[in-house]
Structures are given as C-alpha cells and as structure tokens.
Amino acid sequence: TASFGLPEVGLGILPSSGGLTRLVRAAGPAIAREIILF
C-alpha cells in the first residue's frame, strides 16, 4: 500500500531535512532529479 514522493518543489521549496542529500546518495543524482523535480 506504500506510496512515496517528495512534492516540495511544487510548493516552491525543496526537501531540506536531509532527504535531498540522502536520496542522491541512495539512488544517484539522475534518479534524485526525477523524483524531486517531477
């Protein structure tokens, strides 16, 4: 049932509690760009 996402950019901000950094390190910058920007 789990559903993941980082919708902050659509609110005019960005993930800022370590999520951006950890996602880049876990999945790489290309995947992080797709998840965060979209």
PDB file of all heavy atoms in Angstrom:
ATOM      1  N   THR A   1       0.812  -1.218   0.000  1.00  0.00           N
ATOM      2  CA  THR A   1       0.000   0.000   0.000  1.00  0.00           C
ATOM      3  C   THR A   1       0.846   1.269   0.000  1.00  0.00           C
ATOM      4  O   THR A   1       0.313   2.364  -0.144  1.00  0.00           O
ATOM      5  CB  THR A   1      -0.918   0.047   1.240  1.00  0.00           C
ATOM      6  OG1 THR A   1      -0.121   0.271   2.419  1.00  0.00           O
ATOM      7  CG2 THR A   1      -1.704  -1.244   1.397  1.00  0.00           C
ATOM      8  N   ALA A   2       2.153   1.122   0.157  1.00  0.00           N
ATOM      9  CA  ALA A   2       3.016   2.300   0.343  1.00  0.00           C
ATOM     10  C   ALA A   2       3.108   3.138  -0.922  1.00  0.00           C
ATOM     11  O   ALA A   2       3.143   2.626  -2.042  1.00  0.00           O
ATOM     12  CB  ALA A   2       4.411   1.862   0.780  1.00  0.00           C
ATOM     13  N   SER A   3       3.158   4.442  -0.726  1.00  0.00           N
ATOM     14  CA  SER A   3       3.277   5.403  -1.818  1.00  0.00           C
ATOM     15  C   SER A   3       4.287   6.463  -1.412  1.00  0.00           C
ATOM     16  O   SER A   3       4.121   7.111  -0.373  1.00  0.00           O
ATOM     17  CB  SER A   3       1.914   6.042  -2.110  1.00  0.00           C
ATOM     18  OG  SER A   3       2.020   7.061  -3.087  1.00  0.00           O
ATOM     19  N   PHE A   4       5.340   6.635  -2.215  1.00  0.00           N
ATOM     20  CA  PHE A   4       6.448   7.528  -1.883  1.00  0.00           C
ATOM     21  C   PHE A   4       6.436   8.759  -2.784  1.00  0.00           C
ATOM     22  O   PHE A   4       5.936   8.725  -3.908  1.00  0.00           O
ATOM     23  CB  PHE A   4       7.778   6.791  -2.064  1.00  0.00           C
ATOM     24  CG  PHE A   4       7.960   5.608  -1.158  1.00  0.00           C
ATOM     25  CD1 PHE A   4       7.466   4.359  -1.514  1.00  0.00           C
ATOM     26  CD2 PHE A   4       8.622   5.732   0.052  1.00  0.00           C
ATOM     27  CE1 PHE A   4       7.624   3.258  -0.682  1.00  0.00           C
ATOM     28  CE2 PHE A   4       8.785   4.646   0.891  1.00  0.00           C
ATOM     29  CZ  PHE A   4       8.292   3.407   0.522  1.00  0.00           C
ATOM     30  N   GLY A   5       7.024   9.841  -2.296  1.00  0.00           N
ATOM     31  CA  GLY A   5       7.161  11.029  -3.120  1.00  0.00           C
ATOM     32  C   GLY A   5       7.716  12.202  -2.332  1.00  0.00           C
ATOM     33  O   GLY A   5       7.621  12.246  -1.100  1.00  0.00           O
ATOM     34  N   LEU A   6       8.296  13.139  -3.070  1.00  0.00           N
ATOM     35  CA  LEU A   6       8.822  14.380  -2.495  1.00  0.00           C
ATOM     36  C   LEU A   6       8.219  15.536  -3.285  1.00  0.00           C
ATOM     37  O   LEU A   6       8.761  15.945  -4.320  1.00  0.00           O
ATOM     38  CB  LEU A   6      10.358  14.406  -2.561  1.00  0.00           C
ATOM     39  CG  LEU A   6      11.083  13.392  -1.674  1.00  0.00           C
ATOM     40  CD1 LEU A   6      12.566  13.325  -2.022  1.00  0.00           C
ATOM     41  CD2 LEU A   6      10.909  13.744  -0.198  1.00  0.00           C
ATOM     42  N   PRO A   7       7.093  16.100  -2.832  1.00  0.00           N
ATOM     43  CA  PRO A   7       6.372  17.111  -3.607  1.00  0.00           C
ATOM     44  C   PRO A   7       6.804  18.549  -3.344  1.00  0.00           C
ATOM     45  O   PRO A   7       6.145  19.484  -3.815  1.00  0.00           O
ATOM     46  CB  PRO A   7       4.925  16.906  -3.137  1.00  0.00           C
ATOM     47  CG  PRO A   7       5.077  16.504  -1.695  1.00  0.00           C
ATOM     48  CD  PRO A   7       6.337  15.666  -1.644  1.00  0.00           C
ATOM     49  N   GLU A   8       7.908  18.746  -2.626  1.00  0.00           N
ATOM     50  CA  GLU A   8       8.237  20.095  -2.144  1.00  0.00           C
ATOM     51  C   GLU A   8       8.426  21.125  -3.243  1.00  0.00           C
ATOM     52  O   GLU A   8       8.031  22.293  -3.089  1.00  0.00           O
ATOM     53  CB  GLU A   8       9.506  20.029  -1.269  1.00  0.00           C
ATOM     54  CG  GLU A   8       9.300  19.437   0.107  1.00  0.00           C
ATOM     55  CD  GLU A   8       9.433  17.933   0.142  1.00  0.00           C
ATOM     56  OE1 GLU A   8       9.425  17.298  -0.943  1.00  0.00           O
ATOM     57  OE2 GLU A   8       9.549  17.364   1.246  1.00  0.00           O
ATOM     58  N   VAL A   9       9.043  20.758  -4.362  1.00  0.00           N
ATOM     59  CA  VAL A   9       9.302  21.743  -5.423  1.00  0.00           C
ATOM     60  C   VAL A   9       8.003  22.365  -5.909  1.00  0.00           C
ATOM     61  O   VAL A   9       7.937  23.570  -6.186  1.00  0.00           O
ATOM     62  CB  VAL A   9      10.086  21.100  -6.582  1.00  0.00           C
ATOM     63  CG1 VAL A   9      10.091  22.007  -7.816  1.00  0.00           C
ATOM     64  CG2 VAL A   9      11.534  20.828  -6.149  1.00  0.00           C
ATOM     65  N   GLY A  10       6.935  21.583  -5.987  1.00  0.00           N
ATOM     66  CA  GLY A  10       5.643  22.119  -6.396  1.00  0.00           C
ATOM     67  C   GLY A  10       5.078  23.131  -5.428  1.00  0.00           C
ATOM     68  O   GLY A  10       4.204  23.921  -5.791  1.00  0.00           O
ATOM     69  N   LEU A  11       5.594  23.128  -4.193  1.00  0.00           N
ATOM     70  CA  LEU A  11       5.175  24.110  -3.185  1.00  0.00           C
ATOM     71  C   LEU A  11       6.117  25.313  -3.142  1.00  0.00           C
ATOM     72  O   LEU A  11       5.971  26.187  -2.309  1.00  0.00           O
ATOM     73  CB  LEU A  11       5.127  23.451  -1.802  1.00  0.00           C
ATOM     74  CG  LEU A  11       4.153  22.282  -1.650  1.00  0.00           C
ATOM     75  CD1 LEU A  11       4.326  21.625  -0.281  1.00  0.00           C
ATOM     76  CD2 LEU A  11       2.718  22.751  -1.838  1.00  0.00           C
ATOM     77  N   GLY A  12       7.092  25.311  -4.057  1.00  0.00           N
ATOM     78  CA  GLY A  12       8.043  26.420  -4.107  1.00  0.00           C
ATOM     79  C   GLY A  12       9.209  26.285  -3.147  1.00  0.00           C
ATOM     80  O   GLY A  12       9.923  27.258  -2.910  1.00  0.00           O
ATOM     81  N   ILE A  13       9.423  25.077  -2.608  1.00  0.00           N
ATOM     82  CA  ILE A  13      10.542  24.835  -1.696  1.00  0.00           C
ATOM     83  C   ILE A  13      11.290  23.598  -2.189  1.00  0.00           C
ATOM     84  O   ILE A  13      11.181  23.236  -3.356  1.00  0.00           O
ATOM     85  CB  ILE A  13      10.052  24.670  -0.237  1.00  0.00           C
ATOM     86  CG1 ILE A  13       8.927  23.628  -0.148  1.00  0.00           C
ATOM     87  CG2 ILE A  13       9.572  26.014   0.313  1.00  0.00           C
ATOM     88  CD1 ILE A  13       8.438  23.360   1.264  1.00  0.00           C
ATOM     89  N   LEU A  14      12.054  22.955  -1.339  1.00  0.00           N
ATOM     90  CA  LEU A  14      12.751  21.733  -1.698  1.00  0.00           C
ATOM     91  C   LEU A  14      12.914  20.877  -0.456  1.00  0.00           C
ATOM     92  O   LEU A  14      12.795  21.384   0.665  1.00  0.00           O
ATOM     93  CB  LEU A  14      14.118  22.026  -2.325  1.00  0.00           C
ATOM     94  CG  LEU A  14      15.304  22.378  -1.407  1.00  0.00           C
ATOM     95  CD1 LEU A  14      16.601  22.302  -2.178  1.00  0.00           C
ATOM     96  CD2 LEU A  14      15.152  23.738  -0.761  1.00  0.00           C
ATOM     97  N   PRO A  15      13.160  19.578  -0.612  1.00  0.00           N
ATOM     98  CA  PRO A  15      13.388  18.743   0.571  1.00  0.00           C
ATOM     99  C   PRO A  15      14.622  19.250   1.318  1.00  0.00           C
ATOM    100  O   PRO A  15      15.696  19.380   0.724  1.00  0.00           O
ATOM    101  CB  PRO A  15      13.632  17.354  -0.021  1.00  0.00           C
ATOM    102  CG  PRO A  15      13.059  17.399  -1.396  1.00  0.00           C
ATOM    103  CD  PRO A  15      13.240  18.806  -1.856  1.00  0.00           C
ATOM    104  N   SER A  16      14.461  19.527   2.597  1.00  0.00           N
ATOM    105  CA  SER A  16      15.550  20.201   3.309  1.00  0.00           C
ATOM    106  C   SER A  16      15.846  19.599   4.667  1.00  0.00           C
ATOM    107  O   SER A  16      16.562  20.195   5.472  1.00  0.00           O
ATOM    108  CB  SER A  16      15.207  21.685   3.492  1.00  0.00           C
ATOM    109  OG  SER A  16      14.002  21.823   4.232  1.00  0.00           O
ATOM    110  N   SER A  17      15.302  18.401   4.938  1.00  0.00           N
ATOM    111  CA  SER A  17      15.606  17.730   6.201  1.00  0.00           C
ATOM    112  C   SER A  17      16.506  16.523   5.963  1.00  0.00           C
ATOM    113  O   SER A  17      16.382  15.495   6.598  1.00  0.00           O
ATOM    114  CB  SER A  17      14.316  17.300   6.903  1.00  0.00           C
ATOM    115  OG  SER A  17      13.569  18.436   7.306  1.00  0.00           O
ATOM    116  N   GLY A  18      17.416  16.684   5.016  1.00  0.00           N
ATOM    117  CA  GLY A  18      18.353  15.623   4.676  1.00  0.00           C
ATOM    118  C   GLY A  18      17.876  14.717   3.576  1.00  0.00           C
ATOM    119  O   GLY A  18      18.634  13.879   3.079  1.00  0.00           O
ATOM    120  N   GLY A  19      16.620  14.860   3.165  1.00  0.00           N
ATOM    121  CA  GLY A  19      16.073  13.967   2.155  1.00  0.00           C
ATOM    122  C   GLY A  19      16.749  14.099   0.799  1.00  0.00           C
ATOM    123  O   GLY A  19      17.014  13.089   0.138  1.00  0.00           O
ATOM    124  N   LEU A  20      17.025  15.328   0.370  1.00  0.00           N
ATOM    125  CA  LEU A  20      17.687  15.525  -0.915  1.00  0.00           C
ATOM    126  C   LEU A  20      19.057  14.869  -0.898  1.00  0.00           C
ATOM    127  O   LEU A  20      19.420  14.106  -1.808  1.00  0.00           O
ATOM    128  CB  LEU A  20      17.795  17.028  -1.210  1.00  0.00           C
ATOM    129  CG  LEU A  20      18.389  17.433  -2.558  1.00  0.00           C
ATOM    130  CD1 LEU A  20      17.798  18.767  -3.019  1.00  0.00           C
ATOM    131  CD2 LEU A  20      19.906  17.556  -2.492  1.00  0.00           C
ATOM    132  N   THR A  21      19.832  15.135   0.142  1.00  0.00           N
ATOM    133  CA  THR A  21      21.186  14.580   0.240  1.00  0.00           C
ATOM    134  C   THR A  21      21.155  13.058   0.302  1.00  0.00           C
ATOM    135  O   THR A  21      21.919  12.368  -0.400  1.00  0.00           O
ATOM    136  CB  THR A  21      21.891  15.135   1.482  1.00  0.00           C
ATOM    137  OG1 THR A  21      21.972  16.558   1.373  1.00  0.00           O
ATOM    138  CG2 THR A  21      23.287  14.564   1.632  1.00  0.00           C
ATOM    139  N   ARG A  22      20.278  12.507   1.133  1.00  0.00           N
ATOM    140  CA  ARG A  22      20.239  11.049   1.290  1.00  0.00           C
ATOM    141  C   ARG A  22      19.716  10.367   0.036  1.00  0.00           C
ATOM    142  O   ARG A  22      20.160   9.266  -0.308  1.00  0.00           O
ATOM    143  CB  ARG A  22      19.398  10.677   2.513  1.00  0.00           C
ATOM    144  CG  ARG A  22      20.042  11.120   3.809  1.00  0.00           C
ATOM    145  CD  ARG A  22      19.337  10.570   5.051  1.00  0.00           C
ATOM    146  NE  ARG A  22      20.027  11.075   6.226  1.00  0.00           N
ATOM    147  CZ  ARG A  22      19.693  12.168   6.906  1.00  0.00           C
ATOM    148  NH1 ARG A  22      18.625  12.858   6.555  1.00  0.00           N
ATOM    149  NH2 ARG A  22      20.403  12.580   7.936  1.00  0.00           N
ATOM    150  N   LEU A  23      18.766  10.993  -0.650  1.00  0.00           N
ATOM    151  CA  LEU A  23      18.252  10.399  -1.878  1.00  0.00           C
ATOM    152  C   LEU A  23      19.328  10.377  -2.955  1.00  0.00           C
ATOM    153  O   LEU A  23      19.468   9.374  -3.676  1.00  0.00           O
ATOM    154  CB  LEU A  23      17.026  11.172  -2.374  1.00  0.00           C
ATOM    155  CG  LEU A  23      16.330  10.591  -3.601  1.00  0.00           C
ATOM    156  CD1 LEU A  23      15.845   9.163  -3.337  1.00  0.00           C
ATOM    157  CD2 LEU A  23      15.157  11.480  -4.018  1.00  0.00           C
ATOM    158  N   VAL A  24      20.097  11.443  -3.074  1.00  0.00           N
ATOM    159  CA  VAL A  24      21.201  11.463  -4.038  1.00  0.00           C
ATOM    160  C   VAL A  24      22.188  10.339  -3.742  1.00  0.00           C
ATOM    161  O   VAL A  24      22.640   9.630  -4.644  1.00  0.00           O
ATOM    162  CB  VAL A  24      21.917  12.832  -4.019  1.00  0.00           C
ATOM    163  CG1 VAL A  24      23.218  12.776  -4.806  1.00  0.00           C
ATOM    164  CG2 VAL A  24      21.013  13.922  -4.593  1.00  0.00           C
ATOM    165  N   ARG A  25      22.505  10.153  -2.470  1.00  0.00           N
ATOM    166  CA  ARG A  25      23.484   9.117  -2.121  1.00  0.00           C
ATOM    167  C   ARG A  25      22.910   7.720  -2.263  1.00  0.00           C
ATOM    168  O   ARG A  25      23.634   6.765  -2.547  1.00  0.00           O
ATOM    169  CB  ARG A  25      23.988   9.353  -0.703  1.00  0.00           C
ATOM    170  CG  ARG A  25      24.850  10.610  -0.616  1.00  0.00           C
ATOM    171  CD  ARG A  25      25.342  10.889   0.771  1.00  0.00           C
ATOM    172  NE  ARG A  25      26.219  12.062   0.770  1.00  0.00           N
ATOM    173  CZ  ARG A  25      26.713  12.637   1.854  1.00  0.00           C
ATOM    174  NH1 ARG A  25      26.414  12.145   3.040  1.00  0.00           N
ATOM    175  NH2 ARG A  25      27.507  13.675   1.765  1.00  0.00           N
ATOM    176  N   ALA A  26      21.599   7.577  -2.057  1.00  0.00           N
ATOM    177  CA  ALA A  26      20.982   6.251  -2.143  1.00  0.00           C
ATOM    178  C   ALA A  26      20.689   5.836  -3.579  1.00  0.00           C
ATOM    179  O   ALA A  26      20.848   4.665  -3.938  1.00  0.00           O
ATOM    180  CB  ALA A  26      19.691   6.218  -1.328  1.00  0.00           C
ATOM    181  N   ALA A  27      20.254   6.796  -4.409  1.00  0.00           N
ATOM    182  CA  ALA A  27      19.787   6.447  -5.756  1.00  0.00           C
ATOM    183  C   ALA A  27      20.581   7.102  -6.865  1.00  0.00           C
ATOM    184  O   ALA A  27      20.388   6.764  -8.038  1.00  0.00           O
ATOM    185  CB  ALA A  27      18.308   6.817  -5.894  1.00  0.00           C
ATOM    186  N   GLY A  28      21.461   8.059  -6.534  1.00  0.00           N
ATOM    187  CA  GLY A  28      22.220   8.773  -7.546  1.00  0.00           C
ATOM    188  C   GLY A  28      21.529  10.061  -7.962  1.00  0.00           C
ATOM    189  O   GLY A  28      20.313  10.207  -7.815  1.00  0.00           O
ATOM    190  N   PRO A  29      22.301  11.015  -8.497  1.00  0.00           N
ATOM    191  CA  PRO A  29      21.723  12.324  -8.833  1.00  0.00           C
ATOM    192  C   PRO A  29      20.670  12.283  -9.937  1.00  0.00           C
ATOM    193  O   PRO A  29      19.718  13.051  -9.901  1.00  0.00           O
ATOM    194  CB  PRO A  29      22.946  13.156  -9.259  1.00  0.00           C
ATOM    195  CG  PRO A  29      24.007  12.161  -9.584  1.00  0.00           C
ATOM    196  CD  PRO A  29      23.764  10.984  -8.712  1.00  0.00           C
ATOM    197  N   ALA A  30      20.802  11.390 -10.907  1.00  0.00           N
ATOM    198  CA  ALA A  30      19.823  11.354 -12.005  1.00  0.00           C
ATOM    199  C   ALA A  30      18.440  10.946 -11.489  1.00  0.00           C
ATOM    200  O   ALA A  30      17.434  11.593 -11.809  1.00  0.00           O
ATOM    201  CB  ALA A  30      20.294  10.400 -13.092  1.00  0.00           C
ATOM    202  N   ILE A  31      18.386   9.883 -10.695  1.00  0.00           N
ATOM    203  CA  ILE A  31      17.112   9.443 -10.136  1.00  0.00           C
ATOM    204  C   ILE A  31      16.570  10.490  -9.167  1.00  0.00           C
ATOM    205  O   ILE A  31      15.369  10.778  -9.144  1.00  0.00           O
ATOM    206  CB  ILE A  31      17.270   8.085  -9.425  1.00  0.00           C
ATOM    207  CG1 ILE A  31      17.677   7.009 -10.426  1.00  0.00           C
ATOM    208  CG2 ILE A  31      15.986   7.693  -8.702  1.00  0.00           C
ATOM    209  CD1 ILE A  31      16.686   6.779 -11.538  1.00  0.00           C
ATOM    210  N   ALA A  32      17.460  11.082  -8.358  1.00  0.00           N
ATOM    211  CA  ALA A  32      17.023  12.105  -7.411  1.00  0.00           C
ATOM    212  C   ALA A  32      16.388  13.285  -8.143  1.00  0.00           C
ATOM    213  O   ALA A  32      15.370  13.825  -7.698  1.00  0.00           O
ATOM    214  CB  ALA A  32      18.189  12.569  -6.556  1.00  0.00           C
ATOM    215  N   ARG A  33      16.966  13.694  -9.267  1.00  0.00           N
ATOM    216  CA  ARG A  33      16.381  14.795 -10.052  1.00  0.00           C
ATOM    217  C   ARG A  33      14.966  14.446 -10.496  1.00  0.00           C
ATOM    218  O   ARG A  33      14.053  15.274 -10.403  1.00  0.00           O
ATOM    219  CB  ARG A  33      17.248  15.094 -11.279  1.00  0.00           C
ATOM    220  CG  ARG A  33      18.517  15.862 -10.990  1.00  0.00           C
ATOM    221  CD  ARG A  33      19.166  16.336 -12.281  1.00  0.00           C
ATOM    222  NE  ARG A  33      20.429  16.972 -12.007  1.00  0.00           N
ATOM    223  CZ  ARG A  33      21.610  16.367 -12.067  1.00  0.00           C
ATOM    224  NH1 ARG A  33      21.670  15.083 -12.398  1.00  0.00           N
ATOM    225  NH2 ARG A  33      22.730  17.015 -11.800  1.00  0.00           N
ATOM    226  N   GLU A  34      14.775  13.248 -11.002  1.00  0.00           N
ATOM    227  CA  GLU A  34      13.449  12.858 -11.479  1.00  0.00           C
ATOM    228  C   GLU A  34      12.424  12.850 -10.349  1.00  0.00           C
ATOM    229  O   GLU A  34      11.311  13.380 -10.488  1.00  0.00           O
ATOM    230  CB  GLU A  34      13.514  11.463 -12.113  1.00  0.00           C
ATOM    231  CG  GLU A  34      14.254  11.424 -13.443  1.00  0.00           C
ATOM    232  CD  GLU A  34      14.123  10.078 -14.119  1.00  0.00           C
ATOM    233  OE1 GLU A  34      13.123   9.383 -13.854  1.00  0.00           O
ATOM    234  OE2 GLU A  34      15.016   9.724 -14.911  1.00  0.00           O
ATOM    235  N   ILE A  35      12.797  12.254  -9.219  1.00  0.00           N
ATOM    236  CA  ILE A  35      11.856  12.146  -8.103  1.00  0.00           C
ATOM    237  C   ILE A  35      11.512  13.515  -7.546  1.00  0.00           C
ATOM    238  O   ILE A  35      10.339  13.824  -7.282  1.00  0.00           O
ATOM    239  CB  ILE A  35      12.453  11.244  -7.008  1.00  0.00           C
ATOM    240  CG1 ILE A  35      12.495   9.786  -7.486  1.00  0.00           C
ATOM    241  CG2 ILE A  35      11.647  11.355  -5.706  1.00  0.00           C
ATOM    242  CD1 ILE A  35      13.208   8.842  -6.540  1.00  0.00           C
ATOM    243  N   ILE A  36      12.531  14.370  -7.369  1.00  0.00           N
ATOM    244  CA  ILE A  36      12.316  15.658  -6.702  1.00  0.00           C
ATOM    245  C   ILE A  36      11.707  16.690  -7.646  1.00  0.00           C
ATOM    246  O   ILE A  36      10.772  17.409  -7.274  1.00  0.00           O
ATOM    247  CB  ILE A  36      13.639  16.172  -6.098  1.00  0.00           C
ATOM    248  CG1 ILE A  36      14.110  15.220  -4.990  1.00  0.00           C
ATOM    249  CG2 ILE A  36      13.463  17.583  -5.537  1.00  0.00           C
ATOM    250  CD1 ILE A  36      15.500  15.521  -4.459  1.00  0.00           C
ATOM    251  N   LEU A  37      12.194  16.784  -8.881  1.00  0.00           N
ATOM    252  CA  LEU A  37      11.707  17.832  -9.780  1.00  0.00           C
ATOM    253  C   LEU A  37      10.293  17.547 -10.275  1.00  0.00           C
ATOM    254  O   LEU A  37       9.476  18.464 -10.396  1.00  0.00           O
ATOM    255  CB  LEU A  37      12.666  17.999 -10.959  1.00  0.00           C
ATOM    256  CG  LEU A  37      14.050  18.562 -10.608  1.00  0.00           C
ATOM    257  CD1 LEU A  37      14.917  18.667 -11.852  1.00  0.00           C
ATOM    258  CD2 LEU A  37      13.935  19.931  -9.935  1.00  0.00           C
ATOM    259  N   PHE A  38       9.978  16.295 -10.561  1.00  0.00           N
ATOM    260  CA  PHE A  38       8.626  15.971 -11.001  1.00  0.00           C
ATOM    261  C   PHE A  38       7.670  15.884  -9.819  1.00  0.00           C
ATOM    262  O   PHE A  38       6.479  16.164  -9.963  1.00  0.00           O
ATOM    263  CB  PHE A  38       8.602  14.661 -11.796  1.00  0.00           C
ATOM    264  CG  PHE A  38       9.100  14.809 -13.207  1.00  0.00           C
ATOM    265  CD1 PHE A  38      10.391  14.427 -13.542  1.00  0.00           C
ATOM    266  CD2 PHE A  38       8.286  15.348 -14.197  1.00  0.00           C
ATOM    267  CE1 PHE A  38      10.861  14.569 -14.840  1.00  0.00           C
ATOM    268  CE2 PHE A  38       8.746  15.492 -15.494  1.00  0.00           C
ATOM    269  CZ  PHE A  38      10.041  15.108 -15.825  1.00  0.00           C
TER     270      PHE A  38
END
